[in-house]
PDB file of all heavy atoms in Angstrom:
ATOM      1  N   SER A   1     -17.424  -1.184   7.798  1.00  0.00           N
ATOM      2  CA  SER A   1     -15.975  -1.204   7.575  1.00  0.00           C
ATOM      3  C   SER A   1     -15.587  -2.533   6.935  1.00  0.00           C
ATOM      4  O   SER A   1     -16.341  -3.508   6.997  1.00  0.00           O
ATOM      5  CB  SER A   1     -15.209  -1.013   8.893  1.00  0.00           C
ATOM      6  OG  SER A   1     -15.447  -2.121   9.761  1.00  0.00           O
ATOM      7  N   PHE A   2     -14.404  -2.552   6.321  1.00  0.00           N
ATOM      8  CA  PHE A   2     -13.887  -3.796   5.725  1.00  0.00           C
ATOM      9  C   PHE A   2     -13.050  -4.489   6.795  1.00  0.00           C
ATOM     10  O   PHE A   2     -11.854  -4.216   6.951  1.00  0.00           O
ATOM     11  CB  PHE A   2     -13.084  -3.482   4.459  1.00  0.00           C
ATOM     12  CG  PHE A   2     -13.920  -2.867   3.373  1.00  0.00           C
ATOM     13  CD1 PHE A   2     -13.915  -1.498   3.154  1.00  0.00           C
ATOM     14  CD2 PHE A   2     -14.747  -3.654   2.590  1.00  0.00           C
ATOM     15  CE1 PHE A   2     -14.700  -0.923   2.170  1.00  0.00           C
ATOM     16  CE2 PHE A   2     -15.544  -3.093   1.592  1.00  0.00           C
ATOM     17  CZ  PHE A   2     -15.522  -1.728   1.383  1.00  0.00           C
ATOM     18  N   ASP A   3     -13.695  -5.380   7.531  1.00  0.00           N
ATOM     19  CA  ASP A   3     -13.100  -5.927   8.741  1.00  0.00           C
ATOM     20  C   ASP A   3     -12.671  -7.381   8.640  1.00  0.00           C
ATOM     21  O   ASP A   3     -12.171  -7.950   9.608  1.00  0.00           O
ATOM     22  CB  ASP A   3     -14.065  -5.758   9.917  1.00  0.00           C
ATOM     23  CG  ASP A   3     -15.451  -6.334   9.623  1.00  0.00           C
ATOM     24  OD1 ASP A   3     -15.646  -6.897   8.522  1.00  0.00           O
ATOM     25  OD2 ASP A   3     -16.328  -6.217  10.488  1.00  0.00           O
ATOM     26  N   THR A   4     -12.862  -8.001   7.474  1.00  0.00           N
ATOM     27  CA  THR A   4     -12.496  -9.403   7.301  1.00  0.00           C
ATOM     28  C   THR A   4     -11.460  -9.521   6.201  1.00  0.00           C
ATOM     29  O   THR A   4     -11.743  -9.212   5.040  1.00  0.00           O
ATOM     30  CB  THR A   4     -13.725 -10.269   6.954  1.00  0.00           C
ATOM     31  OG1 THR A   4     -14.730 -10.093   7.949  1.00  0.00           O
ATOM     32  CG2 THR A   4     -13.329 -11.745   6.868  1.00  0.00           C
ATOM     33  N   THR A   5     -10.263  -9.953   6.550  1.00  0.00           N
ATOM     34  CA  THR A   5      -9.175 -10.102   5.582  1.00  0.00           C
ATOM     35  C   THR A   5      -9.091 -11.546   5.113  1.00  0.00           C
ATOM     36  O   THR A   5      -8.977 -12.469   5.928  1.00  0.00           O
ATOM     37  CB  THR A   5      -7.830  -9.685   6.201  1.00  0.00           C
ATOM     38  OG1 THR A   5      -7.912  -8.330   6.645  1.00  0.00           O
ATOM     39  CG2 THR A   5      -6.701  -9.809   5.184  1.00  0.00           C
ATOM     40  N   TRP A   6      -9.153 -11.742   3.812  1.00  0.00           N
ATOM     41  CA  TRP A   6      -9.110 -13.079   3.231  1.00  0.00           C
ATOM     42  C   TRP A   6      -7.665 -13.505   2.999  1.00  0.00           C
ATOM     43  O   TRP A   6      -6.799 -12.682   2.676  1.00  0.00           O
ATOM     44  CB  TRP A   6      -9.855 -13.117   1.908  1.00  0.00           C
ATOM     45  CG  TRP A   6     -11.333 -12.890   2.004  1.00  0.00           C
ATOM     46  CD1 TRP A   6     -11.998 -12.075   2.875  1.00  0.00           C
ATOM     47  CD2 TRP A   6     -12.334 -13.483   1.173  1.00  0.00           C
ATOM     48  NE1 TRP A   6     -13.347 -12.105   2.654  1.00  0.00           N
ATOM     49  CE2 TRP A   6     -13.593 -12.961   1.615  1.00  0.00           C
ATOM     50  CE3 TRP A   6     -12.304 -14.372   0.121  1.00  0.00           C
ATOM     51  CZ2 TRP A   6     -14.794 -13.340   1.009  1.00  0.00           C
ATOM     52  CZ3 TRP A   6     -13.505 -14.740  -0.488  1.00  0.00           C
ATOM     53  CH2 TRP A   6     -14.726 -14.231  -0.045  1.00  0.00           C
ATOM     54  N   LEU A   7      -7.414 -14.813   3.134  1.00  0.00           N
ATOM     55  CA  LEU A   7      -6.129 -15.388   2.755  1.00  0.00           C
ATOM     56  C   LEU A   7      -6.134 -15.662   1.249  1.00  0.00           C
ATOM     57  O   LEU A   7      -7.200 -15.743   0.623  1.00  0.00           O
ATOM     58  CB  LEU A   7      -5.879 -16.690   3.519  1.00  0.00           C
ATOM     59  CG  LEU A   7      -5.841 -16.596   5.042  1.00  0.00           C
ATOM     60  CD1 LEU A   7      -5.690 -17.989   5.649  1.00  0.00           C
ATOM     61  CD2 LEU A   7      -4.718 -15.680   5.503  1.00  0.00           C
ATOM     62  N   VAL A   8      -4.956 -15.835   0.676  1.00  0.00           N
ATOM     63  CA  VAL A   8      -4.883 -16.106  -0.766  1.00  0.00           C
ATOM     64  C   VAL A   8      -5.534 -17.434  -1.115  1.00  0.00           C
ATOM     65  O   VAL A   8      -5.916 -17.667  -2.277  1.00  0.00           O
ATOM     66  CB  VAL A   8      -3.418 -16.095  -1.258  1.00  0.00           C
ATOM     67  CG1 VAL A   8      -2.823 -14.706  -1.150  1.00  0.00           C
ATOM     68  CG2 VAL A   8      -2.573 -17.096  -0.477  1.00  0.00           C
ATOM     69  N   THR A   9      -5.676 -18.323  -0.130  1.00  0.00           N
ATOM     70  CA  THR A   9      -6.331 -19.613  -0.368  1.00  0.00           C
ATOM     71  C   THR A   9      -7.846 -19.519  -0.292  1.00  0.00           C
ATOM     72  O   THR A   9      -8.547 -20.492  -0.572  1.00  0.00           O
ATOM     73  CB  THR A   9      -5.838 -20.650   0.649  1.00  0.00           C
ATOM     74  OG1 THR A   9      -6.004 -20.119   1.981  1.00  0.00           O
ATOM     75  CG2 THR A   9      -4.366 -20.974   0.419  1.00  0.00           C
ATOM     76  N   ASP A  10      -8.369 -18.349   0.064  1.00  0.00           N
ATOM     77  CA  ASP A  10      -9.816 -18.171   0.192  1.00  0.00           C
ATOM     78  C   ASP A  10     -10.479 -17.730  -1.111  1.00  0.00           C
ATOM     79  O   ASP A  10     -11.706 -17.705  -1.194  1.00  0.00           O
ATOM     80  CB  ASP A  10     -10.134 -17.139   1.282  1.00  0.00           C
ATOM     81  CG  ASP A  10      -9.800 -17.638   2.672  1.00  0.00           C
ATOM     82  OD1 ASP A  10      -9.967 -18.849   2.915  1.00  0.00           O
ATOM     83  OD2 ASP A  10      -9.360 -16.826   3.508  1.00  0.00           O
ATOM     84  N   PHE A  11      -9.677 -17.337  -2.095  1.00  0.00           N
ATOM     85  CA  PHE A  11     -10.260 -16.853  -3.343  1.00  0.00           C
ATOM     86  C   PHE A  11      -9.384 -17.236  -4.523  1.00  0.00           C
ATOM     87  O   PHE A  11      -8.206 -17.549  -4.378  1.00  0.00           O
ATOM     88  CB  PHE A  11     -10.449 -15.333  -3.307  1.00  0.00           C
ATOM     89  CG  PHE A  11      -9.160 -14.545  -3.238  1.00  0.00           C
ATOM     90  CD1 PHE A  11      -8.522 -14.118  -4.402  1.00  0.00           C
ATOM     91  CD2 PHE A  11      -8.588 -14.232  -2.017  1.00  0.00           C
ATOM     92  CE1 PHE A  11      -7.339 -13.391  -4.350  1.00  0.00           C
ATOM     93  CE2 PHE A  11      -7.403 -13.508  -1.950  1.00  0.00           C
ATOM     94  CZ  PHE A  11      -6.779 -13.081  -3.112  1.00  0.00           C
ATOM     95  N   GLN A  12      -9.978 -17.214  -5.711  1.00  0.00           N
ATOM     96  CA  GLN A  12      -9.217 -17.413  -6.945  1.00  0.00           C
ATOM     97  C   GLN A  12      -9.646 -16.382  -7.969  1.00  0.00           C
ATOM     98  O   GLN A  12     -10.812 -15.980  -8.026  1.00  0.00           O
ATOM     99  CB  GLN A  12      -9.392 -18.825  -7.508  1.00  0.00           C
ATOM    100  CG  GLN A  12     -10.779 -19.141  -8.030  1.00  0.00           C
ATOM    101  CD  GLN A  12     -10.917 -20.578  -8.506  1.00  0.00           C
ATOM    102  OE1 GLN A  12     -10.146 -21.461  -8.117  1.00  0.00           O
ATOM    103  NE2 GLN A  12     -11.911 -20.838  -9.343  1.00  0.00           N
ATOM    104  N   LEU A  13      -8.674 -15.934  -8.761  1.00  0.00           N
ATOM    105  CA  LEU A  13      -8.947 -14.981  -9.832  1.00  0.00           C
ATOM    106  C   LEU A  13      -9.307 -15.732 -11.100  1.00  0.00           C
ATOM    107  O   LEU A  13      -8.725 -16.781 -11.401  1.00  0.00           O
ATOM    108  CB  LEU A  13      -7.714 -14.093 -10.075  1.00  0.00           C
ATOM    109  CG  LEU A  13      -7.231 -13.254  -8.894  1.00  0.00           C
ATOM    110  CD1 LEU A  13      -5.994 -12.454  -9.282  1.00  0.00           C
ATOM    111  CD2 LEU A  13      -8.324 -12.312  -8.409  1.00  0.00           C
ATOM    112  N   GLU A  14     -10.261 -15.205 -11.834  1.00  0.00           N
ATOM    113  CA  GLU A  14     -10.689 -15.834 -13.078  1.00  0.00           C
ATOM    114  C   GLU A  14     -10.734 -14.819 -14.206  1.00  0.00           C
ATOM    115  O   GLU A  14     -10.934 -13.623 -13.926  1.00  0.00           O
ATOM    116  CB  GLU A  14     -12.084 -16.473 -12.883  1.00  0.00           C
ATOM    117  CG  GLU A  14     -12.087 -17.569 -11.851  1.00  0.00           C
ATOM    118  CD  GLU A  14     -13.481 -18.153 -11.622  1.00  0.00           C
ATOM    119  OE1 GLU A  14     -14.471 -17.521 -12.030  1.00  0.00           O
ATOM    120  OE2 GLU A  14     -13.569 -19.237 -11.035  1.00  0.00           O
ATOM    121  N   PRO A  15     -10.538 -15.239 -15.470  1.00  0.00           N
ATOM    122  CA  PRO A  15     -10.437 -16.612 -15.961  1.00  0.00           C
ATOM    123  C   PRO A  15      -9.170 -17.306 -15.469  1.00  0.00           C
ATOM    124  O   PRO A  15      -8.111 -16.680 -15.359  1.00  0.00           O
ATOM    125  CB  PRO A  15     -10.425 -16.459 -17.483  1.00  0.00           C
ATOM    126  CG  PRO A  15      -9.887 -15.076 -17.721  1.00  0.00           C
ATOM    127  CD  PRO A  15     -10.393 -14.251 -16.582  1.00  0.00           C
ATOM    128  N   LEU A  16      -9.302 -18.603 -15.174  1.00  0.00           N
ATOM    129  CA  LEU A  16      -8.236 -19.354 -14.532  1.00  0.00           C
ATOM    130  C   LEU A  16      -6.953 -19.384 -15.350  1.00  0.00           C
ATOM    131  O   LEU A  16      -5.865 -19.298 -14.806  1.00  0.00           O
ATOM    132  CB  LEU A  16      -8.708 -20.786 -14.252  1.00  0.00           C
ATOM    133  CG  LEU A  16      -9.804 -20.932 -13.189  1.00  0.00           C
ATOM    134  CD1 LEU A  16     -10.247 -22.384 -13.083  1.00  0.00           C
ATOM    135  CD2 LEU A  16      -9.303 -20.426 -11.847  1.00  0.00           C
ATOM    136  N   ASN A  17      -7.068 -19.508 -16.645  1.00  0.00           N
ATOM    137  CA  ASN A  17      -5.881 -19.633 -17.484  1.00  0.00           C
ATOM    138  C   ASN A  17      -5.456 -18.330 -18.138  1.00  0.00           C
ATOM    139  O   ASN A  17      -4.581 -18.310 -18.997  1.00  0.00           O
ATOM    140  CB  ASN A  17      -6.114 -20.704 -18.556  1.00  0.00           C
ATOM    141  CG  ASN A  17      -6.366 -22.066 -17.935  1.00  0.00           C
ATOM    142  OD1 ASN A  17      -5.601 -22.510 -17.092  1.00  0.00           O
ATOM    143  ND2 ASN A  17      -7.451 -22.718 -18.333  1.00  0.00           N
ATOM    144  N   GLY A  18      -6.090 -17.226 -17.743  1.00  0.00           N
ATOM    145  CA  GLY A  18      -5.694 -15.923 -18.247  1.00  0.00           C
ATOM    146  C   GLY A  18      -5.980 -15.688 -19.711  1.00  0.00           C
ATOM    147  O   GLY A  18      -5.342 -14.850 -20.348  1.00  0.00           O
ATOM    148  N   THR A  19      -6.953 -16.414 -20.264  1.00  0.00           N
ATOM    149  CA  THR A  19      -7.315 -16.200 -21.667  1.00  0.00           C
ATOM    150  C   THR A  19      -8.834 -16.193 -21.811  1.00  0.00           C
ATOM    151  O   THR A  19      -9.541 -16.919 -21.106  1.00  0.00           O
ATOM    152  CB  THR A  19      -6.743 -17.289 -22.597  1.00  0.00           C
ATOM    153  OG1 THR A  19      -7.227 -18.579 -22.189  1.00  0.00           O
ATOM    154  CG2 THR A  19      -5.222 -17.289 -22.578  1.00  0.00           C
ATOM    155  N   VAL A  20      -9.317 -15.370 -22.734  1.00  0.00           N
ATOM    156  CA  VAL A  20     -10.740 -15.331 -23.082  1.00  0.00           C
ATOM    157  C   VAL A  20     -10.830 -15.317 -24.601  1.00  0.00           C
ATOM    158  O   VAL A  20     -10.262 -14.445 -25.250  1.00  0.00           O
ATOM    159  CB  VAL A  20     -11.428 -14.079 -22.502  1.00  0.00           C
ATOM    160  CG1 VAL A  20     -12.871 -14.011 -22.976  1.00  0.00           C
ATOM    161  CG2 VAL A  20     -11.365 -14.086 -20.985  1.00  0.00           C
ATOM    162  N   SER A  21     -11.515 -16.302 -25.153  1.00  0.00           N
ATOM    163  CA  SER A  21     -11.669 -16.422 -26.615  1.00  0.00           C
ATOM    164  C   SER A  21     -10.314 -16.407 -27.325  1.00  0.00           C
ATOM    165  O   SER A  21     -10.170 -15.805 -28.394  1.00  0.00           O
ATOM    166  CB  SER A  21     -12.569 -15.295 -27.149  1.00  0.00           C
ATOM    167  OG  SER A  21     -13.843 -15.345 -26.544  1.00  0.00           O
ATOM    168  N   GLY A  22      -9.323 -17.037 -26.708  1.00  0.00           N
ATOM    169  CA  GLY A  22      -8.002 -17.134 -27.312  1.00  0.00           C
ATOM    170  C   GLY A  22      -7.114 -15.931 -27.098  1.00  0.00           C
ATOM    171  O   GLY A  22      -5.963 -15.930 -27.529  1.00  0.00           O
ATOM    172  N   LEU A  23      -7.635 -14.888 -26.435  1.00  0.00           N
ATOM    173  CA  LEU A  23      -6.850 -13.679 -26.191  1.00  0.00           C
ATOM    174  C   LEU A  23      -6.423 -13.628 -24.730  1.00  0.00           C
ATOM    175  O   LEU A  23      -7.196 -13.961 -23.827  1.00  0.00           O
ATOM    176  CB  LEU A  23      -7.669 -12.431 -26.520  1.00  0.00           C
ATOM    177  CG  LEU A  23      -8.087 -12.256 -27.982  1.00  0.00           C
ATOM    178  CD1 LEU A  23      -9.052 -11.078 -28.105  1.00  0.00           C
ATOM    179  CD2 LEU A  23      -6.865 -12.034 -28.868  1.00  0.00           C
ATOM    180  N   THR A  24      -5.180 -13.202 -24.494  1.00  0.00           N
ATOM    181  CA  THR A  24      -4.702 -13.028 -23.126  1.00  0.00           C
ATOM    182  C   THR A  24      -5.543 -11.975 -22.423  1.00  0.00           C
ATOM    183  O   THR A  24      -5.884 -10.941 -22.989  1.00  0.00           O
ATOM    184  CB  THR A  24      -3.229 -12.601 -23.124  1.00  0.00           C
ATOM    185  OG1 THR A  24      -2.449 -13.624 -23.765  1.00  0.00           O
ATOM    186  CG2 THR A  24      -2.712 -12.405 -21.708  1.00  0.00           C
ATOM    187  N   SER A  25      -5.904 -12.250 -21.166  1.00  0.00           N
ATOM    188  CA  SER A  25      -6.775 -11.340 -20.425  1.00  0.00           C
ATOM    189  C   SER A  25      -6.373 -11.300 -18.962  1.00  0.00           C
ATOM    190  O   SER A  25      -5.977 -12.325 -18.397  1.00  0.00           O
ATOM    191  CB  SER A  25      -8.238 -11.797 -20.543  1.00  0.00           C
ATOM    192  OG  SER A  25      -9.077 -11.033 -19.697  1.00  0.00           O
ATOM    193  N   PRO A  26      -6.482 -10.134 -18.323  1.00  0.00           N
ATOM    194  CA  PRO A  26      -6.302 -10.072 -16.883  1.00  0.00           C
ATOM    195  C   PRO A  26      -7.517 -10.688 -16.193  1.00  0.00           C
ATOM    196  O   PRO A  26      -8.504 -11.041 -16.851  1.00  0.00           O
ATOM    197  CB  PRO A  26      -6.197  -8.571 -16.601  1.00  0.00           C
ATOM    198  CG  PRO A  26      -6.995  -7.946 -17.693  1.00  0.00           C
ATOM    199  CD  PRO A  26      -6.789  -8.811 -18.897  1.00  0.00           C
ATOM    200  N   ALA A  27      -7.472 -10.806 -14.883  1.00  0.00           N
ATOM    201  CA  ALA A  27      -8.624 -11.314 -14.146  1.00  0.00           C
ATOM    202  C   ALA A  27      -9.739 -10.276 -14.160  1.00  0.00           C
ATOM    203  O   ALA A  27      -9.483  -9.074 -14.085  1.00  0.00           O
ATOM    204  CB  ALA A  27      -8.225 -11.641 -12.712  1.00  0.00           C
ATOM    205  N   THR A  28     -10.972 -10.750 -14.263  1.00  0.00           N
ATOM    206  CA  THR A  28     -12.123  -9.844 -14.261  1.00  0.00           C
ATOM    207  C   THR A  28     -13.182 -10.271 -13.245  1.00  0.00           C
ATOM    208  O   THR A  28     -14.256  -9.678 -13.196  1.00  0.00           O
ATOM    209  CB  THR A  28     -12.771  -9.777 -15.655  1.00  0.00           C
ATOM    210  OG1 THR A  28     -13.084 -11.112 -16.088  1.00  0.00           O
ATOM    211  CG2 THR A  28     -11.827  -9.131 -16.667  1.00  0.00           C
ATOM    212  N   ARG A  29     -12.891 -11.289 -12.465  1.00  0.00           N
ATOM    213  CA  ARG A  29     -13.797 -11.681 -11.394  1.00  0.00           C
ATOM    214  C   ARG A  29     -13.020 -12.462 -10.336  1.00  0.00           C
ATOM    215  O   ARG A  29     -11.961 -13.030 -10.599  1.00  0.00           O
ATOM    216  CB  ARG A  29     -14.980 -12.499 -11.903  1.00  0.00           C
ATOM    217  CG  ARG A  29     -14.604 -13.807 -12.578  1.00  0.00           C
ATOM    218  CD  ARG A  29     -15.829 -14.531 -13.128  1.00  0.00           C
ATOM    219  NE  ARG A  29     -15.446 -15.728 -13.867  1.00  0.00           N
ATOM    220  CZ  ARG A  29     -15.191 -15.735 -15.178  1.00  0.00           C
ATOM    221  NH1 ARG A  29     -15.291 -14.618 -15.879  1.00  0.00           N
ATOM    222  NH2 ARG A  29     -14.824 -16.857 -15.775  1.00  0.00           N
ATOM    223  N   VAL A  30     -13.590 -12.476  -9.130  1.00  0.00           N
ATOM    224  CA  VAL A  30     -13.000 -13.195  -8.005  1.00  0.00           C
ATOM    225  C   VAL A  30     -14.022 -14.201  -7.502  1.00  0.00           C
ATOM    226  O   VAL A  30     -15.202 -13.858  -7.314  1.00  0.00           O
ATOM    227  CB  VAL A  30     -12.611 -12.229  -6.864  1.00  0.00           C
ATOM    228  CG1 VAL A  30     -11.958 -12.995  -5.720  1.00  0.00           C
ATOM    229  CG2 VAL A  30     -11.683 -11.133  -7.375  1.00  0.00           C
ATOM    230  N   ARG A  31     -13.572 -15.429  -7.276  1.00  0.00           N
ATOM    231  CA  ARG A  31     -14.467 -16.482  -6.787  1.00  0.00           C
ATOM    232  C   ARG A  31     -14.051 -16.901  -5.378  1.00  0.00           C
ATOM    233  O   ARG A  31     -12.864 -17.121  -5.100  1.00  0.00           O
ATOM    234  CB  ARG A  31     -14.446 -17.698  -7.720  1.00  0.00           C
ATOM    235  CG  ARG A  31     -15.431 -18.801  -7.321  1.00  0.00           C
ATOM    236  CD  ARG A  31     -15.414 -19.947  -8.327  1.00  0.00           C
ATOM    237  NE  ARG A  31     -15.781 -19.491  -9.664  1.00  0.00           N
ATOM    238  CZ  ARG A  31     -17.040 -19.358 -10.085  1.00  0.00           C
ATOM    239  NH1 ARG A  31     -18.047 -19.642  -9.263  1.00  0.00           N
ATOM    240  NH2 ARG A  31     -17.289 -18.954 -11.309  1.00  0.00           N
ATOM    241  N   ALA A  32     -15.029 -17.020  -4.487  1.00  0.00           N
ATOM    242  CA  ALA A  32     -14.772 -17.497  -3.131  1.00  0.00           C
ATOM    243  C   ALA A  32     -14.596 -19.005  -3.151  1.00  0.00           C
ATOM    244  O   ALA A  32     -15.469 -19.733  -3.629  1.00  0.00           O
ATOM    245  CB  ALA A  32     -15.929 -17.113  -2.218  1.00  0.00           C
ATOM    246  N   VAL A  33     -13.462 -19.483  -2.643  1.00  0.00           N
ATOM    247  CA  VAL A  33     -13.182 -20.928  -2.666  1.00  0.00           C
ATOM    248  C   VAL A  33     -12.706 -21.444  -1.307  1.00  0.00           C
ATOM    249  O   VAL A  33     -12.325 -22.603  -1.185  1.00  0.00           O
ATOM    250  CB  VAL A  33     -12.110 -21.272  -3.734  1.00  0.00           C
ATOM    251  CG1 VAL A  33     -12.622 -20.987  -5.130  1.00  0.00           C
ATOM    252  CG2 VAL A  33     -10.806 -20.523  -3.477  1.00  0.00           C
ATOM    253  N   GLY A  34     -12.712 -20.589  -0.281  1.00  0.00           N
ATOM    254  CA  GLY A  34     -12.179 -20.992   1.021  1.00  0.00           C
ATOM    255  C   GLY A  34     -13.207 -20.869   2.136  1.00  0.00           C
ATOM    256  O   GLY A  34     -14.363 -21.250   1.990  1.00  0.00           O
ATOM    257  N   GLN A  35     -12.765 -20.277   3.235  1.00  0.00           N
ATOM    258  CA  GLN A  35     -13.597 -20.254   4.439  1.00  0.00           C
ATOM    259  C   GLN A  35     -14.622 -19.112   4.456  1.00  0.00           C
ATOM    260  O   GLN A  35     -15.473 -19.069   5.344  1.00  0.00           O
ATOM    261  CB  GLN A  35     -12.704 -20.135   5.678  1.00  0.00           C
ATOM    262  CG  GLN A  35     -11.841 -18.872   5.708  1.00  0.00           C
ATOM    263  CD  GLN A  35     -10.970 -18.778   6.949  1.00  0.00           C
ATOM    264  OE1 GLN A  35     -11.400 -19.163   8.028  1.00  0.00           O
ATOM    265  NE2 GLN A  35      -9.740 -18.273   6.783  1.00  0.00           N
ATOM    266  N   TYR A  36     -14.539 -18.186   3.489  1.00  0.00           N
ATOM    267  CA  TYR A  36     -15.453 -17.045   3.496  1.00  0.00           C
ATOM    268  C   TYR A  36     -16.357 -17.029   2.272  1.00  0.00           C
ATOM    269  O   TYR A  36     -16.042 -17.625   1.229  1.00  0.00           O
ATOM    270  CB  TYR A  36     -14.674 -15.731   3.530  1.00  0.00           C
ATOM    271  CG  TYR A  36     -13.778 -15.564   4.730  1.00  0.00           C
ATOM    272  CD1 TYR A  36     -12.393 -15.459   4.579  1.00  0.00           C
ATOM    273  CD2 TYR A  36     -14.309 -15.496   6.016  1.00  0.00           C
ATOM    274  CE1 TYR A  36     -11.563 -15.303   5.669  1.00  0.00           C
ATOM    275  CE2 TYR A  36     -13.485 -15.333   7.118  1.00  0.00           C
ATOM    276  CZ  TYR A  36     -12.112 -15.239   6.943  1.00  0.00           C
ATOM    277  OH  TYR A  36     -11.302 -15.086   8.031  1.00  0.00           O
ATOM    278  N   LEU A  37     -17.472 -16.316   2.417  1.00  0.00           N
ATOM    279  CA  LEU A  37     -18.359 -16.012   1.302  1.00  0.00           C
ATOM    280  C   LEU A  37     -18.467 -14.496   1.200  1.00  0.00           C
ATOM    281  O   LEU A  37     -18.263 -13.782   2.185  1.00  0.00           O
ATOM    282  CB  LEU A  37     -19.749 -16.617   1.521  1.00  0.00           C
ATOM    283  CG  LEU A  37     -19.839 -18.138   1.571  1.00  0.00           C
ATOM    284  CD1 LEU A  37     -21.268 -18.565   1.867  1.00  0.00           C
ATOM    285  CD2 LEU A  37     -19.356 -18.772   0.273  1.00  0.00           C
ATOM    286  N   PHE A  38     -18.816 -14.009   0.012  1.00  0.00           N
ATOM    287  CA  PHE A  38     -18.997 -12.576  -0.159  1.00  0.00           C
ATOM    288  C   PHE A  38     -20.310 -12.150   0.505  1.00  0.00           C
ATOM    289  O   PHE A  38     -21.344 -12.792   0.300  1.00  0.00           O
ATOM    290  CB  PHE A  38     -19.012 -12.198  -1.639  1.00  0.00           C
ATOM    291  CG  PHE A  38     -17.694 -12.419  -2.324  1.00  0.00           C
ATOM    292  CD1 PHE A  38     -17.585 -13.303  -3.386  1.00  0.00           C
ATOM    293  CD2 PHE A  38     -16.554 -11.743  -1.908  1.00  0.00           C
ATOM    294  CE1 PHE A  38     -16.372 -13.518  -4.019  1.00  0.00           C
ATOM    295  CE2 PHE A  38     -15.331 -11.948  -2.536  1.00  0.00           C
ATOM    296  CZ  PHE A  38     -15.247 -12.833  -3.591  1.00  0.00           C
ATOM    297  N   PRO A  39     -20.282 -11.079   1.287  1.00  0.00           N
ATOM    298  CA  PRO A  39     -21.511 -10.635   1.965  1.00  0.00           C
ATOM    299  C   PRO A  39     -22.538 -10.104   0.971  1.00  0.00           C
ATOM    300  O   PRO A  39     -22.262  -9.213   0.193  1.00  0.00           O
ATOM    301  CB  PRO A  39     -21.019  -9.508   2.886  1.00  0.00           C
ATOM    302  CG  PRO A  39     -19.535  -9.695   2.979  1.00  0.00           C
ATOM    303  CD  PRO A  39     -19.116 -10.278   1.672  1.00  0.00           C
ATOM    304  N   VAL A  40     -23.719 -10.705   1.009  1.00  0.00           N
ATOM    305  CA  VAL A  40     -24.844 -10.240   0.199  1.00  0.00           C
ATOM    306  C   VAL A  40     -26.026 -10.108   1.142  1.00  0.00           C
ATOM    307  O   VAL A  40     -26.545 -11.105   1.639  1.00  0.00           O
ATOM    308  CB  VAL A  40     -25.180 -11.225  -0.943  1.00  0.00           C
ATOM    309  CG1 VAL A  40     -26.361 -10.708  -1.758  1.00  0.00           C
ATOM    310  CG2 VAL A  40     -23.977 -11.437  -1.842  1.00  0.00           C
ATOM    311  N   TRP A  41     -26.435  -8.881   1.416  1.00  0.00           N
ATOM    312  CA  TRP A  41     -27.504  -8.653   2.380  1.00  0.00           C
ATOM    313  C   TRP A  41     -28.856  -8.708   1.699  1.00  0.00           C
ATOM    314  O   TRP A  41     -28.993  -8.454   0.502  1.00  0.00           O
ATOM    315  CB  TRP A  41     -27.301  -7.307   3.078  1.00  0.00           C
ATOM    316  CG  TRP A  41     -26.039  -7.275   3.876  1.00  0.00           C
ATOM    317  CD1 TRP A  41     -25.780  -7.954   5.034  1.00  0.00           C
ATOM    318  CD2 TRP A  41     -24.841  -6.573   3.564  1.00  0.00           C
ATOM    319  NE1 TRP A  41     -24.504  -7.698   5.465  1.00  0.00           N
ATOM    320  CE2 TRP A  41     -23.890  -6.854   4.579  1.00  0.00           C
ATOM    321  CE3 TRP A  41     -24.462  -5.713   2.528  1.00  0.00           C
ATOM    322  CZ2 TRP A  41     -22.615  -6.316   4.600  1.00  0.00           C
ATOM    323  CZ3 TRP A  41     -23.189  -5.180   2.530  1.00  0.00           C
ATOM    324  CH2 TRP A  41     -22.284  -5.485   3.549  1.00  0.00           C
ATOM    325  N   SER A  42     -29.878  -8.977   2.459  1.00  0.00           N
ATOM    326  CA  SER A  42     -31.239  -9.097   1.938  1.00  0.00           C
ATOM    327  C   SER A  42     -31.779  -7.728   1.517  1.00  0.00           C
ATOM    328  O   SER A  42     -31.225  -6.687   1.887  1.00  0.00           O
ATOM    329  CB  SER A  42     -32.161  -9.702   2.998  1.00  0.00           C
ATOM    330  OG  SER A  42     -32.296  -8.810   4.092  1.00  0.00           O
TER     331      SER A  42
END
């Protein structure tokens, strides 16, 4: 189950400035920057 809720301070959307190669772009990745890490099992 999805049992861990992140705060807005726990992640950031990228690209940070909303542009790629000079073109406006929505976010296409999420980076963990707070108290949690993304679960990656062995």
